[in-house]
Amino acid sequence: MNPGIIFLLLLVGAPLVELYVLIEVGSEIGALPTILLSIFTAILGAALVRLQGVSVLLRVQETLARGEAPALEMLEGAVLMMAGVMLLFPGFITDAMGFLMLVPPLRRRLILAVLKSRGVLRPGPGGAPADDGEIRRVTIIQGEYRREDD
C-alpha cells in the first residue's frame, strides 16, 4: 500500500478513534473525571519518560566508556521520545501505546522486531539467528597491515 495513503489514514483516523474513545469514557465516568484522567496520564507519563531517559543516558555513557557504539541505547532513546509524545497527546489509546513503550522488555522487543524486519540484524556466530533479545556487539581492532607475497 502507498505510504502516503497510510499516513493520511493515520492522520485522519487516529484522532477520530481517540475522540470516540474519549466520548465513550466521558459518558461512563463523566466529563471532569475523563479530563482529569487524561491530564494525570500526561503528567505520570512525562515523569516516567524522564526517569527512563536518564537511565538510558547513563547506559549510553557506560557503553561509550567501554569503547562500544551505543546503537541499541540510542534506539531506546528514540522510542522513549516517541512514547513521551504519545503520552502528551490527549487520548487513552495513545496513552496505552505510550505506556507500553515504557516497559523496557517490550521496548527492546519492539526495537529488535523493527531491526529484524528491516534486515539490519544479521545471523550470529555459526549461522544462529540473532533474535535472542541481544544485538551482538563486535569489537573492532584498528591497525595497519602489509601483504607479503612469497
N, C-alpha and C. Protein backbone atom coordinates (compact mmCIF):
# COMPACT_ATOMS: atom_id res chain seq x y z
N MET A 1 0.85 -1.17 0.00
CA MET A 1 0.00 0.00 0.00
C MET A 1 0.90 1.24 0.00
N ASN A 2 0.43 2.28 -0.59
CA ASN A 2 1.17 3.53 -0.71
C ASN A 2 1.39 4.15 0.68
N PRO A 3 2.64 4.51 1.03
CA PRO A 3 2.89 5.11 2.35
C PRO A 3 2.15 6.42 2.57
N GLY A 4 1.91 7.19 1.51
CA GLY A 4 1.16 8.43 1.64
C GLY A 4 -0.27 8.20 2.08
N ILE A 5 -0.89 7.14 1.54
CA ILE A 5 -2.27 6.82 1.92
C ILE A 5 -2.31 6.33 3.37
N ILE A 6 -1.33 5.52 3.75
CA ILE A 6 -1.28 5.05 5.14
C ILE A 6 -1.13 6.23 6.09
N PHE A 7 -0.23 7.17 5.75
CA PHE A 7 -0.04 8.36 6.59
C PHE A 7 -1.32 9.17 6.69
N LEU A 8 -2.01 9.33 5.59
CA LEU A 8 -3.26 10.09 5.58
C LEU A 8 -4.32 9.41 6.44
N LEU A 9 -4.42 8.09 6.32
CA LEU A 9 -5.39 7.36 7.14
C LEU A 9 -5.07 7.50 8.63
N LEU A 10 -3.78 7.43 8.97
CA LEU A 10 -3.39 7.60 10.38
C LEU A 10 -3.65 9.03 10.84
N LEU A 11 -3.36 10.00 9.98
CA LEU A 11 -3.53 11.40 10.33
C LEU A 11 -5.00 11.75 10.58
N VAL A 12 -5.89 11.14 9.82
CA VAL A 12 -7.32 11.42 9.97
C VAL A 12 -7.98 10.41 10.91
N GLY A 13 -7.61 9.15 10.80
CA GLY A 13 -8.29 8.10 11.55
C GLY A 13 -7.95 8.06 13.03
N ALA A 14 -6.69 8.27 13.37
CA ALA A 14 -6.28 8.17 14.77
C ALA A 14 -6.99 9.19 15.66
N PRO A 15 -7.05 10.47 15.27
CA PRO A 15 -7.77 11.41 16.13
C PRO A 15 -9.26 11.10 16.25
N LEU A 16 -9.85 10.58 15.18
CA LEU A 16 -11.27 10.23 15.25
C LEU A 16 -11.52 9.08 16.22
N VAL A 17 -10.65 8.09 16.19
CA VAL A 17 -10.78 6.95 17.12
C VAL A 17 -10.56 7.44 18.55
N GLU A 18 -9.54 8.29 18.76
CA GLU A 18 -9.29 8.84 20.09
C GLU A 18 -10.49 9.64 20.59
N LEU A 19 -11.07 10.44 19.72
CA LEU A 19 -12.24 11.24 20.10
C LEU A 19 -13.41 10.34 20.48
N TYR A 20 -13.62 9.27 19.72
CA TYR A 20 -14.70 8.33 20.03
C TYR A 20 -14.49 7.70 21.40
N VAL A 21 -13.26 7.26 21.68
CA VAL A 21 -12.98 6.63 22.97
C VAL A 21 -13.15 7.63 24.10
N LEU A 22 -12.68 8.87 23.91
CA LEU A 22 -12.86 9.89 24.94
C LEU A 22 -14.34 10.16 25.22
N ILE A 23 -15.15 10.21 24.18
CA ILE A 23 -16.59 10.43 24.36
C ILE A 23 -17.22 9.26 25.10
N GLU A 24 -16.85 8.05 24.75
CA GLU A 24 -17.41 6.88 25.42
C GLU A 24 -17.01 6.83 26.89
N VAL A 25 -15.73 7.08 27.17
CA VAL A 25 -15.28 7.08 28.56
C VAL A 25 -15.95 8.22 29.32
N GLY A 26 -16.07 9.38 28.69
CA GLY A 26 -16.74 10.51 29.32
C GLY A 26 -18.20 10.23 29.64
N SER A 27 -18.86 9.47 28.78
CA SER A 27 -20.26 9.14 29.05
C SER A 27 -20.39 8.13 30.18
N GLU A 28 -19.36 7.36 30.43
CA GLU A 28 -19.40 6.36 31.51
C GLU A 28 -19.01 6.97 32.86
N ILE A 29 -17.92 7.74 32.89
CA ILE A 29 -17.44 8.24 34.19
C ILE A 29 -17.64 9.74 34.36
N GLY A 30 -18.07 10.43 33.33
CA GLY A 30 -18.30 11.87 33.42
C GLY A 30 -17.20 12.66 32.73
N ALA A 31 -17.51 13.90 32.40
CA ALA A 31 -16.57 14.72 31.65
C ALA A 31 -15.36 15.14 32.49
N LEU A 32 -15.59 15.63 33.72
CA LEU A 32 -14.48 16.10 34.54
C LEU A 32 -13.51 14.97 34.91
N PRO A 33 -14.00 13.79 35.36
CA PRO A 33 -13.04 12.72 35.63
C PRO A 33 -12.25 12.29 34.38
N THR A 34 -12.89 12.35 33.21
CA THR A 34 -12.18 11.99 31.98
C THR A 34 -11.06 12.98 31.69
N ILE A 35 -11.34 14.27 31.86
CA ILE A 35 -10.32 15.30 31.64
C ILE A 35 -9.20 15.16 32.66
N LEU A 36 -9.55 14.94 33.92
CA LEU A 36 -8.53 14.79 34.96
C LEU A 36 -7.69 13.54 34.73
N LEU A 37 -8.31 12.47 34.29
CA LEU A 37 -7.57 11.24 34.00
C LEU A 37 -6.61 11.45 32.84
N SER A 38 -7.03 12.18 31.84
CA SER A 38 -6.16 12.47 30.70
C SER A 38 -4.97 13.33 31.13
N ILE A 39 -5.21 14.32 31.98
CA ILE A 39 -4.12 15.16 32.49
C ILE A 39 -3.18 14.34 33.37
N PHE A 40 -3.75 13.47 34.21
CA PHE A 40 -2.93 12.64 35.09
C PHE A 40 -2.02 11.71 34.29
N THR A 41 -2.54 11.09 33.23
CA THR A 41 -1.69 10.20 32.44
C THR A 41 -0.58 10.97 31.75
N ALA A 42 -0.84 12.21 31.34
CA ALA A 42 0.21 13.02 30.71
C ALA A 42 1.31 13.36 31.72
N ILE A 43 0.94 13.72 32.93
CA ILE A 43 1.93 14.07 33.96
C ILE A 43 2.71 12.83 34.38
N LEU A 44 2.02 11.73 34.63
CA LEU A 44 2.69 10.48 35.01
C LEU A 44 3.61 10.01 33.89
N GLY A 45 3.15 10.07 32.67
CA GLY A 45 3.96 9.64 31.54
C GLY A 45 5.21 10.48 31.38
N ALA A 46 5.08 11.80 31.55
CA ALA A 46 6.25 12.68 31.44
C ALA A 46 7.28 12.35 32.51
N ALA A 47 6.82 12.08 33.73
CA ALA A 47 7.75 11.74 34.80
C ALA A 47 8.45 10.40 34.51
N LEU A 48 7.70 9.41 34.04
CA LEU A 48 8.31 8.11 33.74
C LEU A 48 9.28 8.20 32.57
N VAL A 49 8.93 8.97 31.55
CA VAL A 49 9.84 9.14 30.41
C VAL A 49 11.13 9.80 30.87
N ARG A 50 11.01 10.78 31.75
CA ARG A 50 12.21 11.46 32.25
C ARG A 50 13.10 10.49 33.03
N LEU A 51 12.52 9.70 33.92
CA LEU A 51 13.31 8.74 34.69
C LEU A 51 14.01 7.73 33.78
N GLN A 52 13.26 7.17 32.84
CA GLN A 52 13.85 6.17 31.96
C GLN A 52 14.84 6.79 30.99
N GLY A 53 14.62 8.04 30.61
CA GLY A 53 15.56 8.74 29.74
C GLY A 53 16.90 8.91 30.41
N VAL A 54 16.90 9.25 31.69
CA VAL A 54 18.16 9.37 32.43
C VAL A 54 18.85 8.02 32.51
N SER A 55 18.08 6.97 32.73
CA SER A 55 18.65 5.62 32.78
C SER A 55 19.31 5.24 31.46
N VAL A 56 18.63 5.53 30.37
CA VAL A 56 19.19 5.21 29.04
C VAL A 56 20.44 6.06 28.79
N LEU A 57 20.42 7.32 29.21
CA LEU A 57 21.59 8.19 29.04
C LEU A 57 22.80 7.64 29.80
N LEU A 58 22.58 7.14 31.01
CA LEU A 58 23.68 6.54 31.77
C LEU A 58 24.22 5.29 31.08
N ARG A 59 23.33 4.50 30.49
CA ARG A 59 23.79 3.31 29.76
C ARG A 59 24.57 3.70 28.51
N VAL A 60 24.17 4.79 27.85
CA VAL A 60 24.91 5.28 26.69
C VAL A 60 26.32 5.66 27.11
N GLN A 61 26.45 6.37 28.24
CA GLN A 61 27.76 6.77 28.72
C GLN A 61 28.62 5.57 29.09
N GLU A 62 28.01 4.55 29.72
CA GLU A 62 28.76 3.34 30.07
C GLU A 62 29.24 2.61 28.82
N THR A 63 28.39 2.54 27.81
CA THR A 63 28.76 1.86 26.57
C THR A 63 29.89 2.61 25.87
N LEU A 64 29.80 3.93 25.84
CA LEU A 64 30.87 4.72 25.24
C LEU A 64 32.17 4.58 26.01
N ALA A 65 32.09 4.48 27.34
CA ALA A 65 33.29 4.31 28.15
C ALA A 65 33.98 2.97 27.86
N ARG A 66 33.21 1.96 27.48
CA ARG A 66 33.78 0.67 27.11
C ARG A 66 34.34 0.68 25.69
N GLY A 67 34.12 1.76 24.97
CA GLY A 67 34.61 1.87 23.60
C GLY A 67 33.71 1.21 22.57
N GLU A 68 32.44 1.01 22.92
CA GLU A 68 31.48 0.40 22.00
C GLU A 68 30.51 1.46 21.49
N ALA A 69 29.89 1.14 20.39
CA ALA A 69 28.88 2.03 19.83
C ALA A 69 27.55 1.79 20.54
N PRO A 70 26.91 2.84 21.05
CA PRO A 70 25.64 2.67 21.80
C PRO A 70 24.43 2.63 20.89
N ALA A 71 24.42 1.74 19.92
CA ALA A 71 23.34 1.71 18.92
C ALA A 71 21.99 1.38 19.56
N LEU A 72 21.94 0.31 20.33
CA LEU A 72 20.67 -0.10 20.93
C LEU A 72 20.16 0.95 21.91
N GLU A 73 21.07 1.53 22.67
CA GLU A 73 20.67 2.54 23.64
C GLU A 73 20.12 3.79 22.94
N MET A 74 20.73 4.15 21.82
CA MET A 74 20.24 5.31 21.08
C MET A 74 18.84 5.04 20.52
N LEU A 75 18.61 3.82 20.04
CA LEU A 75 17.28 3.47 19.55
C LEU A 75 16.26 3.46 20.69
N GLU A 76 16.69 3.01 21.86
CA GLU A 76 15.79 3.06 23.01
C GLU A 76 15.44 4.49 23.35
N GLY A 77 16.40 5.40 23.24
CA GLY A 77 16.11 6.81 23.47
C GLY A 77 15.10 7.35 22.49
N ALA A 78 15.21 6.94 21.23
CA ALA A 78 14.25 7.39 20.22
C ALA A 78 12.85 6.85 20.51
N VAL A 79 12.76 5.60 20.95
CA VAL A 79 11.46 5.03 21.29
C VAL A 79 10.90 5.72 22.52
N LEU A 80 11.75 6.06 23.48
CA LEU A 80 11.29 6.80 24.65
C LEU A 80 10.74 8.17 24.25
N MET A 81 11.38 8.81 23.29
CA MET A 81 10.89 10.10 22.82
C MET A 81 9.51 9.94 22.17
N MET A 82 9.34 8.88 21.37
CA MET A 82 8.02 8.62 20.77
C MET A 82 6.98 8.35 21.85
N ALA A 83 7.38 7.61 22.89
CA ALA A 83 6.45 7.33 23.99
C ALA A 83 6.05 8.61 24.69
N GLY A 84 7.00 9.52 24.89
CA GLY A 84 6.68 10.80 25.52
C GLY A 84 5.71 11.62 24.71
N VAL A 85 5.90 11.64 23.41
CA VAL A 85 4.98 12.38 22.55
C VAL A 85 3.59 11.77 22.60
N MET A 86 3.53 10.44 22.57
CA MET A 86 2.22 9.77 22.61
C MET A 86 1.51 10.02 23.94
N LEU A 87 2.29 10.08 25.03
CA LEU A 87 1.67 10.30 26.34
C LEU A 87 1.20 11.74 26.51
N LEU A 88 1.79 12.68 25.79
CA LEU A 88 1.35 14.06 25.90
C LEU A 88 0.10 14.35 25.09
N PHE A 89 -0.16 13.56 24.05
CA PHE A 89 -1.40 13.73 23.29
C PHE A 89 -2.57 13.30 24.14
N PRO A 90 -3.68 14.04 24.13
CA PRO A 90 -4.83 13.60 24.89
C PRO A 90 -5.48 12.39 24.21
N GLY A 91 -5.80 11.41 25.01
CA GLY A 91 -6.45 10.21 24.48
C GLY A 91 -5.95 8.98 25.19
N PHE A 92 -6.80 7.99 25.28
CA PHE A 92 -6.45 6.80 26.04
C PHE A 92 -5.72 5.76 25.19
N ILE A 93 -5.96 5.73 23.90
CA ILE A 93 -5.28 4.76 23.04
C ILE A 93 -3.80 5.13 22.91
N THR A 94 -3.52 6.41 22.64
CA THR A 94 -2.13 6.82 22.54
C THR A 94 -1.43 6.70 23.89
N ASP A 95 -2.15 6.93 24.99
CA ASP A 95 -1.56 6.76 26.32
C ASP A 95 -1.21 5.29 26.56
N ALA A 96 -2.09 4.39 26.17
CA ALA A 96 -1.81 2.97 26.34
C ALA A 96 -0.59 2.55 25.53
N MET A 97 -0.51 3.02 24.29
CA MET A 97 0.65 2.69 23.46
C MET A 97 1.92 3.31 24.04
N GLY A 98 1.83 4.54 24.55
CA GLY A 98 2.98 5.19 25.16
C GLY A 98 3.45 4.46 26.40
N PHE A 99 2.52 4.04 27.25
CA PHE A 99 2.90 3.31 28.46
C PHE A 99 3.50 1.95 28.12
N LEU A 100 3.01 1.31 27.06
CA LEU A 100 3.62 0.04 26.64
C LEU A 100 5.06 0.23 26.19
N MET A 101 5.34 1.37 25.56
CA MET A 101 6.72 1.65 25.13
C MET A 101 7.64 1.96 26.31
N LEU A 102 7.07 2.22 27.46
CA LEU A 102 7.89 2.50 28.65
C LEU A 102 8.33 1.23 29.36
N VAL A 103 7.78 0.09 29.01
CA VAL A 103 8.18 -1.18 29.62
C VAL A 103 9.45 -1.65 28.90
N PRO A 104 10.60 -1.67 29.62
CA PRO A 104 11.88 -1.95 28.95
C PRO A 104 11.93 -3.24 28.12
N PRO A 105 11.43 -4.39 28.61
CA PRO A 105 11.49 -5.58 27.76
C PRO A 105 10.64 -5.45 26.49
N LEU A 106 9.48 -4.81 26.60
CA LEU A 106 8.64 -4.61 25.41
C LEU A 106 9.30 -3.64 24.44
N ARG A 107 9.92 -2.60 24.99
CA ARG A 107 10.60 -1.62 24.15
C ARG A 107 11.75 -2.27 23.38
N ARG A 108 12.51 -3.12 24.06
CA ARG A 108 13.64 -3.80 23.41
C ARG A 108 13.13 -4.77 22.35
N ARG A 109 12.05 -5.48 22.65
CA ARG A 109 11.47 -6.41 21.65
C ARG A 109 10.96 -5.65 20.43
N LEU A 110 10.36 -4.48 20.66
CA LEU A 110 9.89 -3.65 19.55
C LEU A 110 11.06 -3.23 18.67
N ILE A 111 12.13 -2.78 19.28
CA ILE A 111 13.31 -2.35 18.52
C ILE A 111 13.88 -3.52 17.73
N LEU A 112 14.03 -4.67 18.38
CA LEU A 112 14.60 -5.83 17.70
C LEU A 112 13.69 -6.31 16.56
N ALA A 113 12.37 -6.22 16.76
CA ALA A 113 11.45 -6.64 15.69
C ALA A 113 11.57 -5.71 14.48
N VAL A 114 11.68 -4.41 14.74
CA VAL A 114 11.84 -3.46 13.63
C VAL A 114 13.17 -3.69 12.92
N LEU A 115 14.24 -3.88 13.68
CA LEU A 115 15.55 -4.12 13.07
C LEU A 115 15.55 -5.41 12.26
N LYS A 116 14.89 -6.42 12.78
CA LYS A 116 14.82 -7.70 12.07
C LYS A 116 14.01 -7.58 10.79
N SER A 117 12.91 -6.83 10.84
CA SER A 117 12.07 -6.68 9.64
C SER A 117 12.78 -5.85 8.57
N ARG A 118 13.67 -4.97 8.98
CA ARG A 118 14.43 -4.15 8.03
C ARG A 118 15.68 -4.86 7.53
N GLY A 119 15.97 -6.03 8.08
CA GLY A 119 17.16 -6.77 7.65
C GLY A 119 18.44 -6.25 8.26
N VAL A 120 18.35 -5.50 9.34
CA VAL A 120 19.56 -4.95 9.98
C VAL A 120 20.26 -6.00 10.82
N LEU A 121 19.48 -6.85 11.50
CA LEU A 121 20.08 -7.90 12.32
C LEU A 121 20.60 -9.01 11.43
N ARG A 122 21.82 -9.37 11.62
CA ARG A 122 22.45 -10.43 10.85
C ARG A 122 22.54 -11.69 11.71
N PRO A 123 22.66 -12.85 11.08
CA PRO A 123 22.83 -14.07 11.87
C PRO A 123 24.08 -13.98 12.74
N GLY A 124 23.99 -14.59 13.90
CA GLY A 124 25.10 -14.59 14.83
C GLY A 124 26.13 -15.64 14.46
N PRO A 125 27.04 -15.93 15.39
CA PRO A 125 28.09 -16.91 15.12
C PRO A 125 27.51 -18.29 14.82
N GLY A 126 28.09 -18.96 13.86
CA GLY A 126 27.64 -20.30 13.50
C GLY A 126 26.33 -20.29 12.73
N GLY A 127 25.89 -19.16 12.25
CA GLY A 127 24.65 -19.08 11.49
C GLY A 127 23.41 -19.00 12.34
N ALA A 128 23.58 -18.94 13.68
CA ALA A 128 22.42 -18.86 14.56
C ALA A 128 21.79 -17.48 14.42
N PRO A 129 20.47 -17.40 14.38
CA PRO A 129 19.84 -16.09 14.25
C PRO A 129 20.08 -15.24 15.49
N ALA A 130 20.25 -13.96 15.29
CA ALA A 130 20.49 -13.03 16.39
C ALA A 130 19.18 -12.45 16.89
N ASP A 131 18.24 -13.31 17.27
CA ASP A 131 16.95 -12.82 17.73
C ASP A 131 16.67 -13.23 19.17
N ASP A 132 17.72 -13.42 19.95
CA ASP A 132 17.55 -13.85 21.33
C ASP A 132 17.42 -12.67 22.29
N GLY A 133 17.11 -11.49 21.75
CA GLY A 133 16.94 -10.32 22.59
C GLY A 133 18.21 -9.50 22.75
N GLU A 134 19.27 -9.92 22.11
CA GLU A 134 20.53 -9.19 22.21
C GLU A 134 21.04 -8.86 20.82
N ILE A 135 21.58 -7.68 20.69
CA ILE A 135 22.30 -7.33 19.47
C ILE A 135 23.74 -7.69 19.73
N ARG A 136 24.30 -8.49 18.87
CA ARG A 136 25.67 -8.91 19.06
C ARG A 136 26.61 -7.74 18.82
N ARG A 137 27.47 -7.47 19.77
CA ARG A 137 28.42 -6.38 19.65
C ARG A 137 29.71 -6.92 19.07
N VAL A 138 30.31 -6.13 18.22
CA VAL A 138 31.54 -6.52 17.56
C VAL A 138 32.64 -5.58 18.02
N THR A 139 33.77 -6.16 18.42
CA THR A 139 34.93 -5.35 18.79
C THR A 139 35.78 -5.17 17.55
N ILE A 140 36.09 -3.93 17.23
CA ILE A 140 36.90 -3.62 16.06
C ILE A 140 38.28 -3.23 16.54
N ILE A 141 39.28 -3.91 16.01
CA ILE A 141 40.67 -3.61 16.34
C ILE A 141 41.27 -2.91 15.13
N GLN A 142 41.72 -1.69 15.33
CA GLN A 142 42.29 -0.93 14.22
C GLN A 142 43.79 -1.21 14.13
N GLY A 143 44.26 -1.18 12.93
CA GLY A 143 45.69 -1.39 12.72
C GLY A 143 46.02 -1.31 11.26
N GLU A 144 47.28 -1.49 10.96
CA GLU A 144 47.75 -1.49 9.58
C GLU A 144 48.30 -2.87 9.25
N TYR A 145 48.23 -3.21 7.97
CA TYR A 145 48.80 -4.48 7.57
C TYR A 145 49.45 -4.31 6.21
N ARG A 146 50.31 -5.25 5.91
CA ARG A 146 51.01 -5.25 4.63
C ARG A 146 51.06 -6.69 4.16
N ARG A 147 50.70 -6.90 2.89
CA ARG A 147 50.71 -8.24 2.33
C ARG A 147 52.12 -8.52 1.80
N GLU A 148 52.64 -9.63 2.22
CA GLU A 148 53.94 -10.06 1.72
C GLU A 148 53.74 -11.32 0.92
N ASP A 149 53.97 -11.23 -0.39
CA ASP A 149 53.82 -12.40 -1.25
C ASP A 149 55.11 -13.19 -1.25
N ASP A 150 54.99 -14.51 -1.31
CA ASP A 150 56.19 -15.38 -1.34
C ASP A 150 56.91 -15.33 -2.63
